[in-house]
Amino acid sequence: MSNKNYLIVAPDFYPVNGGYANAISNFTNALLERGDINVTVVTTSFLGGEKELVHDRLQVIRVPEAKVLKKYSSIVRQFSLAKQVVEQITSGRFHHVLVETFENPIALSIILNKLSNEELKRLSVRIHATSETEGYMYGKSILSKLYFWLTKRNAKALKNILSTNSFYIDFAKKHWLGDSVLSTYKNYDIVPNIVSPYSCESVIDSDNKVRFFTLGRMNEAGVNQKNFDLVLQAISVLKNDRPDIFEQILVEIVGSGEYKVRLEEMANKLELMEAVNFIDRLPNEDIRKKQASSDAVILVSRYEGQSMFALEALGAGAPLILSKDTGASDLVREGENGYLVNCDSPYELVNAMVKIAEQDVNKLKQASSRMFHAQFSAQEVVKKFVSYTIRTEASIK
């Protein structure tokens, strides 16, 4: 039986170190590890001074830098990206084409207009994050409004829409397709992110504290998204209403940026510093140790994709306290491996923290590990994606 040939269109890819790049690189590696799949990646990420990836079943095509003013380059490069992708698709070599994210809507619009019905049946777009969804919808710039309009147009033209999570499938149906029975008639599925495999030992602390761990950027956009002020408000409520629990906890917050000083000032004013530890940055290995050692990992973002941080925590066997109605919410089974809370309610976060503090969390840790291996391991994700590509090619849509 001959190998399957997949084309992946990646806005970010190795050697970039970021959420998209890591998620797409991990997914590509998982496909290659299966042994019967050839992968071609078309990306707008520059190689820089790094060595190109070498694998006998991998080809990486990098779109050259546009020779225009920097502020126009991201738009101009979409035309070059579209040309390269159309050439690859119309070669007839690929069993399936996966466009990662709707974040190059000009390129995607050109691609969709150039393809035949049969070629469209072998193409899917995977929704990843907040920038292509809430970012375009609520963005105030002319470019955001244009991209939101184009994204809706592209979604209507597609036959196959994937997402890393269920929240953004529902978002697409409601905000891009208008909840119309006819326009939402597509092949949907969830293909989660993949975190790189790792093993680490949890660190046992001698102070017997109930430990919570969170992380994020502390610039203006990061603080607005990650909602650190809600975490501090919840700790303040604990101090006043449940001093017995307050005395037991330690909340470690990793992040740097201009708003870190304000968060530290807030913690000082509320007299919380005995229960809060701000950390500028940690190596990735130490972050994973913190995840494995924590009684719970907290991510109460106002908006969030399928967070790699939360997914890594699940893989480390950590109980999770996450926001309801975000792209990360699928990672929690309420009361089984963690809790979901409203991102505007310090009291719901308090209740979740109290539940963690008052129980043996080993059952929750075991549930997180089981859930990760059953739904989010590389093997399970690849198996699900391959199954999706087979059935969508045969679909009558």
Protein backbone atom coordinates (compact mmCIF):
# COMPACT_ATOMS: atom_id res chain seq x y z
CA MET A 1 0.00 0.00 0.00
CA SER A 2 1.49 3.34 -1.07
CA ASN A 3 2.05 6.25 1.31
CA LYS A 4 -0.46 9.06 1.65
CA ASN A 5 0.72 12.52 0.60
CA TYR A 6 -0.43 15.45 2.72
CA LEU A 7 0.13 19.14 2.09
CA ILE A 8 0.18 21.43 5.15
CA VAL A 9 -0.05 25.21 4.71
CA ALA A 10 1.53 26.79 7.79
CA PRO A 11 1.55 30.49 8.69
CA ASP A 12 4.21 29.73 11.33
CA PHE A 13 6.59 26.80 11.36
CA TYR A 14 10.05 25.76 12.49
CA PRO A 15 12.34 27.50 13.44
CA VAL A 16 9.82 29.98 14.91
CA ASN A 17 9.23 29.36 18.62
CA GLY A 18 5.60 30.21 19.29
CA GLY A 19 2.18 28.67 19.81
CA TYR A 20 1.26 28.18 16.14
CA ALA A 21 4.74 27.10 15.07
CA ASN A 22 5.11 24.57 17.88
CA ALA A 23 1.62 23.15 17.38
CA ILE A 24 2.04 22.76 13.61
CA SER A 25 5.59 21.42 13.89
CA ASN A 26 4.43 18.86 16.47
CA PHE A 27 1.55 17.81 14.22
CA THR A 28 3.88 17.44 11.24
CA ASN A 29 6.29 15.30 13.27
CA ALA A 30 3.44 13.10 14.48
CA LEU A 31 2.29 12.50 10.89
CA LEU A 32 5.82 11.53 9.87
CA GLU A 33 6.21 9.19 12.83
CA ARG A 34 3.27 7.14 11.61
CA GLY A 35 5.50 5.79 8.83
CA ASP A 36 3.06 5.75 5.90
CA ILE A 37 2.61 9.49 5.30
CA ASN A 38 4.63 11.93 3.20
CA VAL A 39 4.31 15.59 4.19
CA THR A 40 4.94 18.76 2.21
CA VAL A 41 4.82 21.99 4.21
CA VAL A 42 4.38 25.38 2.55
CA THR A 43 5.18 28.13 5.02
CA THR A 44 5.82 31.85 5.22
CA SER A 45 8.29 31.35 8.09
CA PHE A 46 11.87 32.21 7.23
CA LEU A 47 14.65 29.74 7.97
CA GLY A 48 17.06 32.46 9.04
CA GLY A 49 20.38 31.03 10.11
CA GLU A 50 18.94 27.67 11.18
CA LYS A 51 19.43 24.40 9.33
CA GLU A 52 16.50 23.10 7.34
CA LEU A 53 14.58 20.10 8.66
CA VAL A 54 15.71 16.86 7.04
CA HIS A 55 13.47 13.81 6.75
CA ASP A 56 13.09 11.40 3.84
CA ARG A 57 9.30 11.91 3.82
CA LEU A 58 9.27 15.69 4.42
CA GLN A 59 9.58 18.59 2.00
CA VAL A 60 9.50 22.19 3.26
CA ILE A 61 8.77 25.00 0.80
CA ARG A 62 9.39 28.49 2.19
CA VAL A 63 7.72 31.46 0.53
CA PRO A 64 10.41 34.10 -0.11
CA GLU A 65 10.35 37.44 1.64
CA ALA A 66 8.37 40.14 -0.17
CA LYS A 67 10.56 43.02 -1.33
CA VAL A 68 8.21 45.77 -0.20
CA LEU A 69 7.85 48.05 2.79
CA LYS A 70 7.57 45.99 5.98
CA LYS A 71 4.05 47.21 6.79
CA TYR A 72 2.80 45.78 3.48
CA SER A 73 4.85 42.58 3.45
CA SER A 74 2.33 40.38 5.29
CA ILE A 75 -0.33 41.26 2.70
CA VAL A 76 1.90 40.95 -0.37
CA ARG A 77 3.28 37.59 0.80
CA GLN A 78 -0.25 36.18 0.85
CA PHE A 79 -0.34 36.42 -2.94
CA SER A 80 2.96 34.53 -3.18
CA LEU A 81 1.67 31.97 -0.68
CA ALA A 82 -1.53 31.46 -2.69
CA LYS A 83 0.41 30.97 -5.93
CA GLN A 84 2.69 28.36 -4.37
CA VAL A 85 -0.19 26.47 -2.72
CA VAL A 86 -2.31 26.41 -5.89
CA GLU A 87 0.66 25.02 -7.84
CA GLN A 88 1.08 22.25 -5.29
CA ILE A 89 -2.61 21.34 -5.12
CA THR A 90 -3.17 21.30 -8.89
CA SER A 91 -0.20 18.97 -9.32
CA GLY A 92 -2.58 16.24 -8.20
CA ARG A 93 -0.03 14.70 -5.81
CA PHE A 94 -1.91 15.14 -2.54
CA HIS A 95 -4.54 13.03 -0.85
CA HIS A 96 -5.42 15.95 1.43
CA VAL A 97 -4.51 19.58 2.00
CA LEU A 98 -4.64 21.07 5.51
CA VAL A 99 -4.56 24.86 5.72
CA GLU A 100 -3.59 25.74 9.27
CA THR A 101 -5.71 28.69 10.49
CA PHE A 102 -7.82 31.25 8.66
CA GLU A 103 -5.12 33.85 9.32
CA ASN A 104 -4.14 34.43 5.69
CA PRO A 105 -7.64 35.21 4.38
CA ILE A 106 -6.47 36.88 1.16
CA ALA A 107 -4.37 33.85 0.24
CA LEU A 108 -7.15 31.44 1.20
CA SER A 109 -9.69 33.36 -0.90
CA ILE A 110 -7.43 33.13 -3.97
CA ILE A 111 -6.80 29.41 -3.36
CA LEU A 112 -10.49 28.57 -3.02
CA ASN A 113 -11.36 30.44 -6.23
CA LYS A 114 -8.76 28.44 -8.18
CA LEU A 115 -9.79 24.92 -7.13
CA SER A 116 -12.22 22.46 -8.67
CA ASN A 117 -14.99 20.82 -6.69
CA GLU A 118 -12.97 17.60 -6.35
CA GLU A 119 -9.93 19.55 -5.12
CA LEU A 120 -12.08 21.37 -2.56
CA LYS A 121 -13.25 18.00 -1.19
CA ARG A 122 -9.62 17.23 -0.33
CA LEU A 123 -8.95 20.54 1.44
CA SER A 124 -9.72 21.52 5.04
CA VAL A 125 -8.93 24.55 7.17
CA ARG A 126 -8.25 24.16 10.89
CA ILE A 127 -9.24 26.94 13.29
CA HIS A 128 -6.63 27.46 16.00
CA ALA A 129 -6.84 30.62 18.02
CA THR A 130 -8.34 33.91 19.04
CA SER A 131 -6.65 36.08 16.43
CA GLU A 132 -8.59 34.56 13.51
CA THR A 133 -11.87 34.47 15.46
CA GLU A 134 -12.54 37.05 18.18
CA GLY A 135 -9.58 39.11 16.95
CA TYR A 136 -11.04 39.68 13.49
CA MET A 137 -14.62 39.99 14.72
CA TYR A 138 -13.93 42.60 17.41
CA GLY A 139 -10.91 44.29 15.81
CA LYS A 140 -11.43 47.99 15.12
CA SER A 141 -8.93 48.46 12.29
CA ILE A 142 -9.98 48.49 8.64
CA LEU A 143 -7.75 45.47 8.03
CA SER A 144 -9.48 43.48 10.82
CA LYS A 145 -12.89 44.29 9.35
CA LEU A 146 -11.70 43.27 5.86
CA TYR A 147 -10.23 40.03 7.20
CA PHE A 148 -13.42 39.21 9.10
CA TRP A 149 -15.49 39.71 5.94
CA LEU A 150 -13.08 37.57 3.91
CA THR A 151 -13.04 34.86 6.59
CA LYS A 152 -16.83 34.61 6.51
CA ARG A 153 -16.71 34.40 2.72
CA ASN A 154 -14.02 31.72 2.82
CA ALA A 155 -15.89 29.67 5.44
CA LYS A 156 -18.98 29.62 3.23
CA ALA A 157 -16.92 28.38 0.26
CA LEU A 158 -15.28 25.54 2.20
CA LYS A 159 -16.57 22.00 2.39
CA ASN A 160 -14.39 20.95 5.34
CA ILE A 161 -13.77 22.88 8.55
CA LEU A 162 -11.65 21.58 11.42
CA SER A 163 -10.84 23.10 14.77
CA THR A 164 -8.55 22.25 17.66
CA ASN A 165 -11.62 22.48 19.93
CA SER A 166 -15.42 22.44 19.97
CA PHE A 167 -15.77 26.10 20.97
CA TYR A 168 -14.49 27.39 17.64
CA ILE A 169 -16.63 24.98 15.62
CA ASP A 170 -19.63 26.60 17.31
CA PHE A 171 -18.09 30.05 16.79
CA ALA A 172 -17.71 29.41 13.05
CA LYS A 173 -21.30 28.21 12.71
CA LYS A 174 -22.67 31.22 14.56
CA HIS A 175 -20.46 34.13 13.52
CA TRP A 176 -19.16 33.10 10.09
CA LEU A 177 -22.07 31.07 8.76
CA GLY A 178 -25.00 32.73 10.52
CA ASP A 179 -26.35 29.50 12.02
CA SER A 180 -28.06 28.79 8.69
CA VAL A 181 -28.98 25.13 8.25
CA LEU A 182 -27.83 25.27 4.62
CA SER A 183 -24.65 27.28 5.02
CA THR A 184 -23.50 25.25 8.01
CA TYR A 185 -23.83 21.99 6.05
CA LYS A 186 -20.16 21.01 6.07
CA ASN A 187 -17.80 18.31 7.26
CA TYR A 188 -16.73 19.39 10.76
CA ASP A 189 -14.41 17.69 13.19
CA ILE A 190 -12.05 18.42 16.06
CA VAL A 191 -8.35 17.71 15.59
CA PRO A 192 -6.60 18.91 18.75
CA ASN A 193 -3.12 20.35 19.08
CA ILE A 194 -0.27 18.01 19.90
CA VAL A 195 2.28 18.75 22.59
CA SER A 196 5.77 17.39 22.23
CA PRO A 197 6.36 14.20 24.23
CA TYR A 198 8.19 14.60 27.50
CA SER A 199 8.61 13.00 30.87
CA CYS A 200 9.47 14.79 34.06
CA GLU A 201 9.29 14.14 37.75
CA SER A 202 7.17 16.36 39.91
CA VAL A 203 8.97 18.29 42.62
CA ILE A 204 7.78 17.49 46.13
CA ASP A 205 7.84 20.61 48.29
CA SER A 206 8.44 20.36 52.01
CA ASP A 207 6.14 23.25 53.00
CA ASN A 208 2.93 21.24 52.42
CA LYS A 209 1.32 24.14 50.59
CA VAL A 210 -1.59 23.65 48.21
CA ARG A 211 0.04 24.88 45.02
CA PHE A 212 -1.59 26.60 42.07
CA PHE A 213 0.30 27.55 38.94
CA THR A 214 -0.43 29.96 36.08
CA LEU A 215 1.50 31.67 33.33
CA GLY A 216 1.24 34.31 30.63
CA ARG A 217 2.50 37.51 29.06
CA MET A 218 2.19 40.60 31.20
CA ASN A 219 2.03 43.28 28.54
CA GLU A 220 -1.28 45.08 28.02
CA ALA A 221 -2.73 42.52 25.61
CA GLY A 222 -1.51 39.59 27.70
CA VAL A 223 -2.91 40.87 30.98
CA ASN A 224 -6.24 41.62 29.31
CA GLN A 225 -6.41 38.08 27.94
CA LYS A 226 -4.97 36.03 30.79
CA ASN A 227 -7.04 37.77 33.47
CA PHE A 228 -4.42 37.76 36.24
CA ASP A 229 -6.38 40.38 38.16
CA LEU A 230 -9.21 37.85 38.63
CA VAL A 231 -6.73 35.43 40.19
CA LEU A 232 -5.62 38.10 42.67
CA GLN A 233 -9.23 39.05 43.44
CA ALA A 234 -10.01 35.39 44.18
CA ILE A 235 -7.05 35.13 46.54
CA SER A 236 -8.29 38.28 48.30
CA VAL A 237 -11.75 36.74 48.72
CA LEU A 238 -10.12 33.64 50.20
CA LYS A 239 -8.13 35.80 52.63
CA ASN A 240 -11.30 37.47 53.89
CA ASP A 241 -13.82 34.63 53.69
CA ARG A 242 -11.71 31.49 54.10
CA PRO A 243 -8.54 32.42 56.00
CA ASP A 244 -8.02 28.73 56.78
CA ILE A 245 -7.63 28.00 53.05
CA PHE A 246 -5.65 31.21 52.42
CA GLU A 247 -3.02 30.08 54.90
CA GLN A 248 -2.60 26.78 53.03
CA ILE A 249 -2.17 28.02 49.44
CA LEU A 250 0.65 29.29 47.26
CA VAL A 251 -0.16 30.69 43.82
CA GLU A 252 2.83 30.90 41.49
CA ILE A 253 2.47 33.30 38.55
CA VAL A 254 5.08 33.25 35.78
CA GLY A 255 5.29 36.14 33.35
CA SER A 256 7.04 39.35 32.42
CA GLY A 257 6.02 42.66 30.87
CA GLU A 258 5.23 46.22 31.77
CA TYR A 259 2.08 45.27 33.69
CA LYS A 260 3.89 42.96 36.10
CA VAL A 261 4.66 45.90 38.41
CA ARG A 262 0.96 46.79 38.55
CA LEU A 263 0.02 43.23 39.44
CA GLU A 264 2.64 43.17 42.20
CA GLU A 265 1.30 46.50 43.50
CA MET A 266 -2.22 45.07 43.52
CA ALA A 267 -1.06 41.99 45.46
CA ASN A 268 0.76 44.21 47.98
CA LYS A 269 -2.24 46.51 48.49
CA LEU A 270 -4.46 43.49 49.13
CA GLU A 271 -1.78 42.01 51.44
CA LEU A 272 -1.56 38.78 49.47
CA MET A 273 2.19 38.34 49.03
CA GLU A 274 2.48 35.51 51.54
CA ALA A 275 0.26 33.47 49.21
CA VAL A 276 1.58 34.72 45.84
CA ASN A 277 4.93 34.21 44.16
CA PHE A 278 5.66 36.22 41.00
CA ILE A 279 8.32 34.67 38.75
CA ASP A 280 9.78 36.53 35.76
CA ARG A 281 10.50 33.53 33.57
CA LEU A 282 11.36 29.85 33.76
CA PRO A 283 13.01 27.39 31.37
CA ASN A 284 10.49 25.15 29.66
CA GLU A 285 11.68 22.11 31.63
CA ASP A 286 11.01 23.93 34.92
CA ILE A 287 7.57 25.00 33.72
CA ARG A 288 6.71 21.39 33.06
CA LYS A 289 7.96 20.39 36.50
CA LYS A 290 5.73 23.07 38.02
CA GLN A 291 2.77 21.75 36.04
CA ALA A 292 3.39 18.20 37.24
CA SER A 293 3.89 19.31 40.85
CA SER A 294 0.93 21.65 41.17
CA ASP A 295 -2.30 20.72 42.84
CA ALA A 296 -3.98 22.61 40.00
CA VAL A 297 -3.03 24.71 36.97
CA ILE A 298 -5.13 27.86 36.51
CA LEU A 299 -5.93 29.53 33.18
CA VAL A 300 -8.96 31.80 33.52
CA SER A 301 -8.51 33.72 30.26
CA ARG A 302 -11.17 36.04 28.92
CA TYR A 303 -10.58 34.45 25.50
CA GLU A 304 -8.32 31.54 24.63
CA GLY A 305 -7.58 28.97 21.95
CA GLN A 306 -6.63 25.42 22.82
CA SER A 307 -3.77 26.60 25.00
CA MET A 308 -0.53 24.64 24.60
CA PHE A 309 0.22 25.52 28.24
CA ALA A 310 -3.05 23.96 29.43
CA LEU A 311 -2.62 20.94 27.14
CA GLU A 312 0.90 20.36 28.48
CA ALA A 313 -0.49 20.60 32.01
CA LEU A 314 -3.10 17.97 31.16
CA GLY A 315 -0.32 15.76 29.78
CA ALA A 316 1.62 16.26 33.02
CA GLY A 317 -1.39 14.96 34.96
CA ALA A 318 -2.33 18.30 36.51
CA PRO A 319 -5.89 19.12 37.59
CA LEU A 320 -7.12 22.17 35.67
CA ILE A 321 -9.14 25.27 36.54
CA LEU A 322 -10.07 26.87 33.23
CA SER A 323 -12.52 29.43 31.87
CA LYS A 324 -15.86 28.33 30.52
CA ASP A 325 -16.62 28.98 26.84
CA THR A 326 -13.10 29.16 25.44
CA GLY A 327 -11.02 26.98 23.16
CA ALA A 328 -9.42 25.35 26.21
CA SER A 329 -12.66 24.28 27.91
CA ASP A 330 -12.64 20.84 26.24
CA LEU A 331 -9.69 19.90 28.45
CA VAL A 332 -11.87 19.75 31.60
CA ARG A 333 -14.50 17.25 32.62
CA GLU A 334 -16.23 19.07 35.42
CA GLY A 335 -15.40 17.60 38.81
CA GLU A 336 -13.47 14.71 37.25
CA ASN A 337 -10.15 16.34 36.37
CA GLY A 338 -10.83 19.95 37.26
CA TYR A 339 -13.34 22.79 37.16
CA LEU A 340 -14.66 25.39 34.71
CA VAL A 341 -15.39 28.92 35.95
CA ASN A 342 -16.76 32.15 34.52
CA CYS A 343 -13.90 34.47 33.65
CA ASP A 344 -15.64 37.41 35.37
CA SER A 345 -16.44 35.69 38.68
CA PRO A 346 -13.79 35.61 41.42
CA TYR A 347 -16.27 33.65 43.54
CA GLU A 348 -16.44 30.75 41.08
CA LEU A 349 -12.65 30.66 41.02
CA VAL A 350 -12.62 30.71 44.83
CA ASN A 351 -15.03 27.77 44.93
CA ALA A 352 -12.83 25.80 42.55
CA MET A 353 -9.69 26.56 44.56
CA VAL A 354 -11.41 25.52 47.79
CA LYS A 355 -12.50 22.22 46.21
CA ILE A 356 -8.89 21.56 45.20
CA ALA A 357 -7.60 22.44 48.67
CA GLU A 358 -10.14 20.28 50.50
CA GLN A 359 -9.70 17.03 48.61
CA ASP A 360 -7.07 14.47 47.70
CA VAL A 361 -6.20 15.60 44.17
CA ASN A 362 -4.63 12.29 43.15
CA LYS A 363 -7.90 11.14 41.60
CA LEU A 364 -8.07 14.35 39.55
CA LYS A 365 -4.43 13.91 38.48
CA GLN A 366 -5.12 10.36 37.36
CA ALA A 367 -8.19 11.53 35.44
CA SER A 368 -6.14 14.20 33.64
CA SER A 369 -3.56 11.60 32.59
CA ARG A 370 -6.25 9.21 31.35
CA MET A 371 -7.99 11.95 29.41
CA PHE A 372 -4.75 13.09 27.78
CA HIS A 373 -3.76 9.62 26.59
CA ALA A 374 -7.28 8.77 25.40
CA GLN A 375 -7.95 11.98 23.44
CA PHE A 376 -4.83 14.10 23.02
CA SER A 377 -1.88 11.78 22.49
CA ALA A 378 -0.09 12.20 19.15
CA GLN A 379 -1.21 8.75 18.00
CA GLU A 380 -4.89 9.43 18.74
CA VAL A 381 -4.86 12.85 17.08
CA VAL A 382 -3.17 11.56 13.90
CA LYS A 383 -5.53 8.58 13.72
CA LYS A 384 -8.51 10.92 13.94
CA PHE A 385 -7.13 13.25 11.26
CA VAL A 386 -6.38 10.43 8.82
CA SER A 387 -9.89 9.03 9.31
CA TYR A 388 -11.33 12.50 8.63
CA THR A 389 -9.40 12.87 5.37
CA ILE A 390 -10.66 9.51 4.10
CA ARG A 391 -14.32 10.15 4.80
CA THR A 392 -14.36 13.75 3.53
CA GLU A 393 -12.88 12.69 0.20
CA ALA A 394 -15.75 10.20 -0.15
CA SER A 395 -18.39 12.70 1.01
CA ILE A 396 -21.21 13.81 -1.28
CA LYS A 397 -20.74 17.44 -0.22
